[in-house]
Protein backbone atom coordinates (compact mmCIF):
# COMPACT_ATOMS: atom_id res chain seq x y z
CA MET A 1 0.00 0.00 0.00
CA ASN A 2 1.60 3.27 -1.11
CA LEU A 3 -0.62 5.78 0.67
CA PRO A 4 1.55 8.04 2.85
CA LYS A 5 0.59 8.31 6.50
CA THR A 6 2.03 11.70 7.35
CA THR A 7 0.74 14.39 9.64
CA SER A 8 3.30 17.13 8.99
CA GLN A 9 4.69 19.00 6.00
CA ASN A 10 8.32 19.33 5.01
CA PRO A 11 10.21 22.29 6.53
CA LEU A 12 9.03 25.60 5.07
CA SER A 13 11.37 26.63 2.28
CA ARG A 14 11.14 29.77 0.19
CA ARG A 15 9.66 27.79 -2.67
CA ARG A 16 7.20 26.10 -0.29
CA PHE A 17 6.18 29.51 1.03
CA LEU A 18 5.36 30.70 -2.47
CA GLN A 19 3.43 27.54 -3.26
CA LEU A 20 1.31 28.06 -0.17
CA ALA A 21 0.86 31.70 -1.14
CA ALA A 22 -0.49 30.50 -4.48
CA VAL A 23 -3.21 28.64 -2.60
CA ALA A 24 -3.94 31.28 0.00
CA GLY A 25 -3.89 34.15 -2.46
CA GLY A 26 -5.45 32.43 -5.46
CA ALA A 27 -8.61 34.53 -5.36
CA THR A 28 -6.95 37.88 -4.71
CA ALA A 29 -6.21 40.57 -7.26
CA ALA A 30 -2.61 39.47 -7.70
CA PRO A 31 -2.00 35.99 -6.24
CA PHE A 32 1.49 34.62 -5.84
CA VAL A 33 2.57 31.67 -7.94
CA VAL A 34 5.96 30.13 -8.43
CA SER A 35 6.55 27.86 -11.40
CA ARG A 36 9.16 25.18 -11.88
CA ALA A 37 9.68 26.88 -15.23
CA MET A 38 11.29 29.75 -13.33
CA ASP A 39 14.33 27.75 -12.32
CA GLY A 40 15.06 26.52 -15.82
CA SER A 41 14.30 22.87 -15.17
CA THR A 42 11.17 22.96 -17.31
CA THR A 43 9.38 25.42 -19.53
CA ALA A 44 5.64 25.89 -19.67
CA ALA A 45 4.31 24.77 -23.03
CA ALA A 46 3.18 27.66 -25.21
CA PRO A 47 0.26 27.49 -27.63
CA PRO A 48 1.16 25.74 -30.90
CA ALA A 49 2.31 27.98 -33.72
CA GLU A 50 0.07 28.44 -36.74
CA ASP A 51 1.97 25.71 -38.58
CA GLY A 52 1.33 23.29 -35.68
CA SER A 53 4.89 23.36 -34.33
CA SER A 54 5.70 23.88 -30.67
CA THR A 55 6.83 27.27 -29.39
CA ASP A 56 8.07 26.95 -25.82
CA VAL A 57 8.24 30.05 -23.64
CA GLY A 58 10.93 30.24 -20.97
CA HIS A 59 11.12 32.31 -17.81
CA PRO A 60 13.94 34.06 -15.94
CA ALA A 61 16.15 31.59 -14.13
CA VAL A 62 16.20 31.44 -10.35
CA ASP A 63 18.82 29.48 -8.44
CA ALA A 64 16.92 26.55 -7.01
CA GLY A 65 19.74 25.30 -4.82
CA GLU A 66 21.50 21.92 -4.70
CA ASP A 67 18.66 20.33 -2.74
CA ASP A 68 16.05 21.26 -5.35
CA PRO A 69 16.73 19.00 -8.37
CA PRO A 70 14.82 19.35 -11.66
CA VAL A 71 11.68 17.27 -12.04
CA PRO A 72 9.64 16.39 -15.12
CA ALA A 73 6.50 18.33 -16.01
CA PRO A 74 3.45 17.60 -18.14
CA SER A 75 4.07 18.31 -21.80
CA GLY A 76 1.04 20.54 -22.29
CA ASP A 77 -0.40 18.19 -24.91
CA GLY A 78 -1.08 15.02 -22.90
CA PRO A 79 -4.19 13.66 -21.13
CA VAL A 80 -6.04 16.07 -18.86
CA LEU A 81 -8.40 15.11 -16.03
CA VAL A 82 -11.09 17.62 -15.02
CA VAL A 83 -12.75 16.73 -11.71
CA ILE A 84 -16.02 18.42 -10.71
CA HIS A 85 -17.34 18.25 -7.15
CA LEU A 86 -21.16 18.32 -7.07
CA ASP A 87 -21.13 20.03 -3.72
CA GLY A 88 -23.91 19.34 -1.24
CA GLY A 89 -24.76 15.72 -1.99
CA ASN A 90 -26.38 15.05 -5.36
CA ASP A 91 -29.63 13.05 -5.52
CA GLY A 92 -28.51 10.22 -7.78
CA LEU A 93 -32.00 8.71 -7.85
CA ASN A 94 -33.40 11.82 -9.58
CA THR A 95 -30.33 12.09 -11.83
CA VAL A 96 -30.18 8.62 -13.38
CA VAL A 97 -33.79 7.55 -12.96
CA PRO A 98 -34.70 3.82 -12.72
CA VAL A 99 -37.73 4.14 -14.98
CA SER A 100 -38.39 0.38 -15.16
CA ASP A 101 -38.60 -0.01 -11.36
CA SER A 102 -42.12 0.71 -10.09
CA ARG A 103 -40.74 1.12 -6.57
CA TYR A 104 -39.14 4.42 -7.58
CA GLU A 105 -42.46 6.22 -7.86
CA SER A 106 -44.04 4.48 -4.88
CA LEU A 107 -41.08 5.24 -2.58
CA ARG A 108 -40.28 8.74 -3.82
CA GLY A 109 -43.93 9.84 -4.16
CA ALA A 110 -44.38 13.46 -5.22
CA GLY A 111 -40.63 13.96 -5.43
CA ILE A 112 -39.98 12.09 -8.68
CA ALA A 113 -37.98 13.74 -11.46
CA PRO A 114 -40.12 15.63 -14.01
CA VAL A 115 -41.08 13.25 -16.81
CA GLU A 116 -40.64 15.93 -19.46
CA ALA A 117 -36.99 16.34 -18.45
CA LEU A 118 -36.06 12.67 -18.95
CA SER A 119 -33.82 11.42 -21.77
CA PRO A 120 -34.10 7.62 -22.11
CA LEU A 121 -30.78 5.79 -22.00
CA ASP A 122 -32.10 2.26 -22.31
CA SER A 123 -35.09 0.25 -21.14
CA ASP A 124 -34.11 0.61 -17.48
CA PHE A 125 -32.75 4.13 -16.99
CA ALA A 126 -33.29 7.71 -18.12
CA LEU A 127 -31.08 10.74 -17.57
CA ALA A 128 -32.84 13.74 -16.01
CA SER A 129 -32.31 17.31 -17.26
CA MET A 130 -29.06 16.51 -19.06
CA PRO A 131 -29.71 16.26 -22.82
CA TYR A 132 -26.08 16.83 -23.84
CA LEU A 133 -24.81 14.03 -21.59
CA ALA A 134 -27.58 11.83 -23.02
CA GLU A 135 -26.14 12.54 -26.48
CA ARG A 136 -22.68 11.55 -25.24
CA TRP A 137 -24.25 8.32 -23.93
CA GLY A 138 -25.51 7.66 -27.43
CA SER A 139 -21.95 8.16 -28.69
CA SER A 140 -20.60 5.73 -26.04
CA GLU A 141 -18.59 8.53 -24.40
CA LEU A 142 -20.41 8.58 -21.04
CA ALA A 143 -19.82 6.11 -18.23
CA ILE A 144 -22.36 6.06 -15.40
CA VAL A 145 -21.03 4.53 -12.19
CA HIS A 146 -23.84 3.40 -9.88
CA GLY A 147 -24.06 3.25 -6.13
CA VAL A 148 -20.88 5.26 -5.42
CA GLY A 149 -20.34 6.16 -1.78
CA VAL A 150 -18.38 5.76 1.44
CA PRO A 151 -19.08 2.47 3.25
CA ASP A 152 -20.70 3.28 6.60
CA GLY A 153 -19.87 6.92 5.88
CA SER A 154 -20.80 10.06 7.74
CA LEU A 155 -23.77 12.14 6.57
CA SER A 156 -22.01 15.34 7.61
CA HIS A 157 -20.96 17.46 4.62
CA PHE A 158 -17.67 18.35 6.28
CA ALA A 159 -16.74 14.83 7.39
CA ALA A 160 -17.89 13.11 4.19
CA GLY A 161 -16.18 15.69 1.97
CA ASP A 162 -12.97 15.31 3.95
CA VAL A 163 -13.01 11.53 3.44
CA TRP A 164 -13.60 11.92 -0.30
CA GLU A 165 -10.90 14.53 -0.76
CA SER A 166 -8.36 12.51 1.20
CA GLY A 167 -9.30 9.30 -0.63
CA SER A 168 -9.10 7.39 2.63
CA LEU A 169 -11.28 6.29 5.54
CA GLY A 170 -8.44 7.10 7.92
CA ALA A 171 -7.90 10.46 9.60
CA SER A 172 -4.10 10.62 9.32
CA LEU A 173 -3.69 11.70 5.70
CA THR A 174 -2.84 15.34 5.05
CA SER A 175 -2.84 14.91 1.27
CA GLY A 176 -5.64 14.51 -1.26
CA PHE A 177 -6.14 11.77 -3.82
CA LEU A 178 -5.29 14.03 -6.76
CA GLY A 179 -2.33 15.61 -4.98
CA ARG A 180 -0.78 12.20 -4.41
CA ALA A 181 -1.17 11.42 -8.11
CA VAL A 182 0.69 14.61 -9.04
CA GLU A 183 3.49 13.93 -6.56
CA HIS A 184 3.85 10.36 -7.81
CA LEU A 185 4.15 11.54 -11.43
CA TYR A 186 6.16 14.74 -11.07
CA GLY A 187 7.74 14.81 -7.62
CA VAL A 188 7.10 16.77 -4.45
CA ASP A 189 8.59 19.91 -5.99
CA ALA A 190 6.44 19.80 -9.11
CA ASP A 191 5.31 22.98 -10.81
CA PRO A 192 2.18 24.25 -8.98
CA LEU A 193 0.58 24.58 -12.43
CA THR A 194 0.69 20.79 -12.79
CA GLY A 195 -2.55 20.72 -10.79
CA VAL A 196 -4.93 23.68 -10.79
CA CYS A 197 -7.99 24.41 -8.65
CA ALA A 198 -10.36 26.56 -10.70
CA GLY A 199 -12.38 29.03 -8.67
CA SER A 200 -11.63 27.72 -5.19
CA PHE A 201 -9.02 25.54 -3.49
CA SER A 202 -9.74 21.85 -2.89
CA ARG A 203 -7.82 19.62 -0.53
CA ALA A 204 -8.22 16.85 -3.12
CA LEU A 205 -5.32 18.45 -5.05
CA GLN A 206 -3.10 19.01 -2.02
CA GLY A 207 0.04 16.90 -1.87
CA ASP A 208 2.09 15.98 1.16
CA ALA A 209 4.83 18.44 0.20
CA TRP A 210 3.32 20.10 -2.85
CA SER A 211 0.52 22.62 -3.34
CA PRO A 212 -1.47 23.38 -6.49
CA PHE A 213 -2.14 26.77 -8.00
CA THR A 214 -5.63 28.16 -7.41
CA LEU A 215 -6.73 29.99 -10.55
CA PRO A 216 -9.39 32.60 -9.71
CA SER A 217 -12.47 32.57 -11.89
CA GLY A 218 -14.14 35.67 -13.19
CA ALA A 219 -13.83 38.06 -16.08
CA ALA A 220 -10.85 39.98 -14.69
CA LEU A 221 -8.32 37.14 -14.61
CA PRO A 222 -5.09 38.47 -13.08
CA TRP A 223 -2.90 40.03 -15.76
CA SER A 224 -5.54 39.64 -18.46
CA ALA A 225 -6.25 42.72 -20.56
CA GLU A 226 -9.37 43.38 -18.49
CA PHE A 227 -7.45 43.06 -15.22
CA VAL A 228 -4.85 45.56 -16.43
CA GLU A 229 -7.59 47.98 -17.46
CA ARG A 230 -9.49 47.66 -14.17
CA ASN A 231 -6.48 47.77 -11.83
CA PRO A 232 -4.01 50.40 -13.10
CA GLY A 233 -2.76 51.13 -9.59
CA VAL A 234 -1.97 47.48 -8.83
CA VAL A 235 -0.26 47.04 -12.20
CA ALA A 236 1.79 50.21 -11.81
CA GLY A 237 2.86 49.21 -8.31
CA LEU A 238 3.96 45.72 -9.33
CA GLU A 239 5.80 47.03 -12.37
CA HIS A 240 7.59 49.53 -10.12
CA LEU A 241 8.57 46.77 -7.71
CA ALA A 242 9.88 44.72 -10.61
CA THR A 243 12.48 47.40 -11.26
CA ALA A 244 13.70 47.31 -7.67
CA SER A 245 16.83 45.39 -6.80
CA LEU A 246 15.17 42.93 -4.47
CA THR A 247 16.92 39.75 -3.39
CA GLY A 248 15.94 36.67 -1.44
CA LEU A 249 12.24 36.17 -0.79
CA GLY A 250 11.31 39.57 -2.19
CA GLY A 251 13.04 38.75 -5.45
CA GLU A 252 11.23 35.44 -5.74
CA VAL A 253 7.89 37.16 -5.11
CA ILE A 254 8.58 39.51 -8.01
CA GLU A 255 9.63 36.59 -10.20
CA SER A 256 6.45 34.74 -9.23
CA HIS A 257 4.39 37.67 -10.47
CA SER A 258 6.21 37.55 -13.78
CA VAL A 259 5.11 33.94 -14.14
CA LEU A 260 1.55 34.82 -13.16
CA ARG A 261 1.61 37.60 -15.74
CA ASP A 262 2.67 35.11 -18.40
CA VAL A 263 -0.11 32.70 -17.35
CA GLY A 264 -2.79 35.40 -17.32
CA GLU A 265 -1.76 36.86 -20.67
CA ARG A 266 -1.62 33.44 -22.32
CA ILE A 267 -5.04 32.36 -21.01
CA ASP A 268 -6.46 35.72 -22.05
CA ALA A 269 -5.05 35.27 -25.55
CA ALA A 270 -6.61 31.80 -25.79
CA ARG A 271 -10.12 33.12 -25.13
CA PRO A 272 -12.47 33.05 -28.12
CA ASP A 273 -12.88 36.38 -29.91
CA ASP A 274 -16.48 36.69 -28.72
CA ASP A 275 -15.41 36.25 -25.08
CA GLN A 276 -12.90 39.07 -24.84
CA PRO A 277 -13.38 42.05 -22.48
CA GLY A 278 -16.51 44.04 -23.23
CA ALA A 279 -18.17 41.17 -25.11
CA GLY A 280 -20.81 40.62 -22.43
CA ARG A 281 -19.80 37.28 -20.93
CA ALA A 282 -22.79 35.35 -19.58
CA GLU A 283 -21.02 32.48 -17.79
CA ARG A 284 -21.45 32.09 -14.05
CA GLY A 285 -20.45 29.40 -11.59
CA VAL A 286 -19.45 26.06 -13.08
CA ALA A 287 -19.87 27.38 -16.64
CA GLN A 288 -17.47 30.22 -15.90
CA ASP A 289 -14.94 27.91 -14.27
CA LEU A 290 -15.10 25.38 -17.11
CA ALA A 291 -14.60 28.16 -19.65
CA LEU A 292 -11.49 29.20 -17.72
CA VAL A 293 -10.25 25.59 -17.69
CA ALA A 294 -10.82 25.29 -21.44
CA ASP A 295 -8.83 28.47 -22.08
CA ALA A 296 -6.01 27.23 -19.83
CA ILE A 297 -5.88 23.94 -21.76
CA ASN A 298 -5.99 25.72 -25.12
CA ALA A 299 -3.22 28.04 -23.93
CA GLY A 300 -0.96 25.02 -23.48
CA LEU A 301 -0.46 25.29 -19.71
CA PRO A 302 1.41 22.29 -18.25
CA THR A 303 -1.62 21.15 -16.24
CA ALA A 304 -2.55 17.48 -15.90
CA VAL A 305 -5.41 17.87 -13.39
CA PHE A 306 -8.05 20.53 -12.76
CA HIS A 307 -10.50 20.54 -9.87
CA LEU A 308 -13.61 22.72 -9.56
CA ARG A 309 -16.95 22.73 -7.79
CA HIS A 310 -20.62 23.07 -8.71
CA GLY A 311 -22.58 23.85 -5.57
CA GLY A 312 -26.20 23.86 -4.48
CA PHE A 313 -26.96 20.13 -4.28
CA ASP A 314 -28.01 20.13 -0.61
CA THR A 315 -31.66 19.90 -1.63
CA HIS A 316 -33.51 19.49 1.67
CA ALA A 317 -36.16 21.91 0.41
CA ASN A 318 -37.52 23.12 -2.94
CA GLN A 319 -35.82 20.23 -4.73
CA LEU A 320 -38.24 19.93 -7.64
CA ALA A 321 -37.56 23.56 -8.55
CA SER A 322 -33.80 23.62 -7.93
CA HIS A 323 -32.41 20.19 -8.77
CA PRO A 324 -33.34 20.07 -12.48
CA GLY A 325 -31.72 23.48 -12.93
CA LEU A 326 -28.53 22.34 -11.22
CA LEU A 327 -28.28 19.32 -13.54
CA LEU A 328 -29.13 21.34 -16.63
CA GLY A 329 -26.58 23.99 -15.65
CA LEU A 330 -23.88 21.33 -15.42
CA ASP A 331 -25.00 19.78 -18.70
CA GLU A 332 -24.91 23.09 -20.57
CA ALA A 333 -21.58 24.01 -19.00
CA ILE A 334 -19.99 20.74 -20.17
CA ALA A 335 -21.46 21.17 -23.65
CA ALA A 336 -20.00 24.69 -23.87
CA PHE A 337 -16.70 23.42 -22.42
CA HIS A 338 -16.42 20.78 -25.14
CA GLY A 339 -17.21 23.31 -27.82
CA ARG A 340 -14.64 25.74 -26.45
CA LEU A 341 -11.93 23.07 -26.33
CA GLY A 342 -12.15 22.31 -30.04
CA THR A 343 -9.73 19.55 -31.00
CA ASN A 344 -8.30 19.52 -27.46
CA ARG A 345 -11.54 17.89 -26.33
CA ASP A 346 -10.12 14.46 -27.21
CA ARG A 347 -7.41 14.91 -24.55
CA VAL A 348 -9.84 15.60 -21.72
CA VAL A 349 -11.78 13.33 -19.38
CA VAL A 350 -14.39 14.87 -17.07
CA MET A 351 -15.23 13.13 -13.80
CA THR A 352 -17.79 14.07 -11.12
CA TRP A 353 -17.96 13.26 -7.42
CA THR A 354 -20.35 14.17 -4.62
CA GLU A 355 -19.89 13.61 -0.89
CA PHE A 356 -23.07 11.50 -0.54
CA GLY A 357 -26.49 10.97 -2.09
CA ARG A 358 -29.97 11.69 -0.79
CA ARG A 359 -32.51 9.64 1.13
CA VAL A 360 -35.02 7.76 -1.01
CA ALA A 361 -38.13 9.15 0.71
CA PHE A 362 -39.32 12.64 -0.20
CA ASN A 363 -39.67 14.87 2.87
CA GLY A 364 -42.48 16.91 1.32
CA SER A 365 -40.16 19.57 -0.13
CA GLY A 366 -36.89 17.82 -0.82
CA THR A 367 -34.66 14.95 0.23
CA ASP A 368 -32.40 14.57 3.25
CA HIS A 369 -28.80 13.40 3.42
CA GLY A 370 -28.39 9.84 2.15
CA THR A 371 -25.65 7.46 1.18
CA SER A 372 -24.77 6.38 -2.36
CA SER A 373 -25.07 8.43 -5.53
CA ILE A 374 -23.98 8.49 -9.18
CA GLY A 375 -20.57 9.17 -10.71
CA PHE A 376 -20.21 10.47 -14.27
CA VAL A 377 -17.09 9.96 -16.41
CA LEU A 378 -17.12 11.61 -19.81
CA GLY A 379 -14.67 11.71 -22.72
CA SER A 380 -13.77 10.29 -26.10
CA SER A 381 -11.38 7.84 -24.41
CA VAL A 382 -14.15 6.54 -22.12
CA ALA A 383 -15.89 3.22 -22.78
CA GLY A 384 -19.45 4.37 -22.26
CA GLY A 385 -22.00 2.31 -20.37
CA HIS A 386 -23.22 1.32 -16.92
CA TYR A 387 -20.65 0.43 -14.25
CA GLY A 388 -21.19 -0.91 -10.79
CA GLU A 389 -24.37 -2.42 -9.43
CA PRO A 390 -27.44 -0.14 -9.34
CA PRO A 391 -28.61 -0.04 -5.70
CA GLU A 392 -31.69 -2.15 -5.03
CA LEU A 393 -34.71 -0.08 -4.04
CA GLY A 394 -35.93 -3.13 -2.17
CA SER A 395 -32.78 -3.27 -0.01
CA LEU A 396 -32.78 0.06 1.81
CA ASP A 397 -31.06 0.34 5.17
CA ARG A 398 -32.94 1.03 8.41
CA ALA A 399 -32.81 4.77 7.77
CA GLY A 400 -34.24 4.42 4.28
CA ASN A 401 -30.98 4.90 2.43
CA LEU A 402 -29.69 3.24 -0.70
CA PRO A 403 -26.86 0.74 -0.19
CA VAL A 404 -23.34 1.63 -1.33
CA THR A 405 -22.50 -0.81 -4.11
CA THR A 406 -19.34 0.92 -5.42
CA ASP A 407 -16.72 1.95 -2.88
CA PHE A 408 -15.67 5.54 -3.55
CA ARG A 409 -12.02 4.45 -3.37
CA ASP A 410 -12.54 2.01 -6.24
CA TYR A 411 -14.15 4.82 -8.22
CA ILE A 412 -11.46 7.48 -7.78
CA ALA A 413 -8.56 5.03 -7.99
CA GLY A 414 -9.81 3.42 -11.17
CA VAL A 415 -10.78 6.58 -13.04
CA CYS A 416 -7.96 8.88 -11.93
CA GLY A 417 -5.36 6.15 -12.17
CA GLY A 418 -6.52 5.22 -15.65
CA VAL A 419 -6.45 8.77 -17.01
CA LEU A 420 -3.20 9.83 -15.36
CA GLY A 421 -1.33 6.53 -15.53
CA VAL A 422 -0.86 6.30 -11.76
CA PRO A 423 -1.04 2.98 -9.84
CA ALA A 424 -4.42 2.70 -8.16
CA ASP A 425 -2.93 2.17 -4.70
CA VAL A 426 -1.17 5.56 -4.87
CA ILE A 427 -4.57 7.25 -5.10
CA ALA A 428 -6.66 5.21 -2.68
CA GLU A 429 -6.93 1.90 -0.84
CA ALA A 430 -8.93 0.31 -3.65
CA ASN A 431 -9.99 -3.33 -3.81
CA ASP A 432 -11.62 -3.37 -7.23
CA PRO A 433 -10.76 -0.20 -9.25
CA VAL A 434 -13.44 0.90 -11.71
CA GLU A 435 -11.97 0.80 -15.20
CA VAL A 436 -13.91 2.99 -17.65
CA LEU A 437 -11.32 3.86 -20.30
CA VAL A 438 -11.11 2.36 -23.78
């Protein structure tokens, strides 16, 4: 078993300080970021030239020290995993609806998914409020993993989310399942851009001695043209500091801003012409974050894993009004994401997770915290179909919850390991990893 059992980080180095600053300051006007490209060991991949050739962009060299050896980095044109947390506990029963099981209507009562929103998948199941994903099912690009959950898991959002992000039932891990994958592939001193949290930080991408870059969402991406226009004082101040003869930590902070400037300008340049400043962007939430991820991929950033969240799934009340919109919002966001990626779409696999499902019985307005739910895996390299055992509606537990038929560790280890090429036991203590790739 390769899962580390650590409770403390490595001693705080200057580089470690800047990596942590990238996390802590990711949503500020000018977050810190330090790239491995800065020390000359790697270069961030630039967008392909018009003739299709590669045009690498280097950065000023910084002495990394004898104890900071070069490590490999993603090429900028390899597989990319995009992980979306359906935050709040998605009702899997009203997402992938068991239309052939009469017990669904009798048990759920007035809380069934709207019939007009259903897209039939086969004789047994229909997908609710997600027509684009239903199309991908028809193209054999969508895997639906049934009954995913934490065995005997907590129904607390905090506790269940912590277990999922750590990828372990134990309490001793400080790292997340995606962070361990990055460290296994690229080392503990990997470029923070190897793994990116879009919008908000997630512990799932935290390593034991490595931290990801948190890329703030929104129109005014740091160092984009719009950011420069909106924040002349900040820009002038940072440009003035860049001319100062700072050494040590101050010098590295200035160098980190030069890397951030390169990242922001490159993502800004990769935006479609109709999405430039002043074009009236309509994206919000997960659509906005996925648009940012698409632009980062198209810009050739050396990122192997992105993590983002789509919130609002804690549907104790008003579920019939809110839940279909949440699913449709995700569906439309993924459709727009695929369109924005263009040919890069074939490199990308999208995976969803949620901390738990919902109770089978309708409480009159919504559904309460439950156990197992549904996992989606989407991409041209995915072998579409049903995976795992659909939970039996006739085998509810004493609280009226669906049984967990797919251990969450098998789910994340199989999917993430398959996409990233990481041994399953690095990611989680899996017994039977779910294999969904072609």
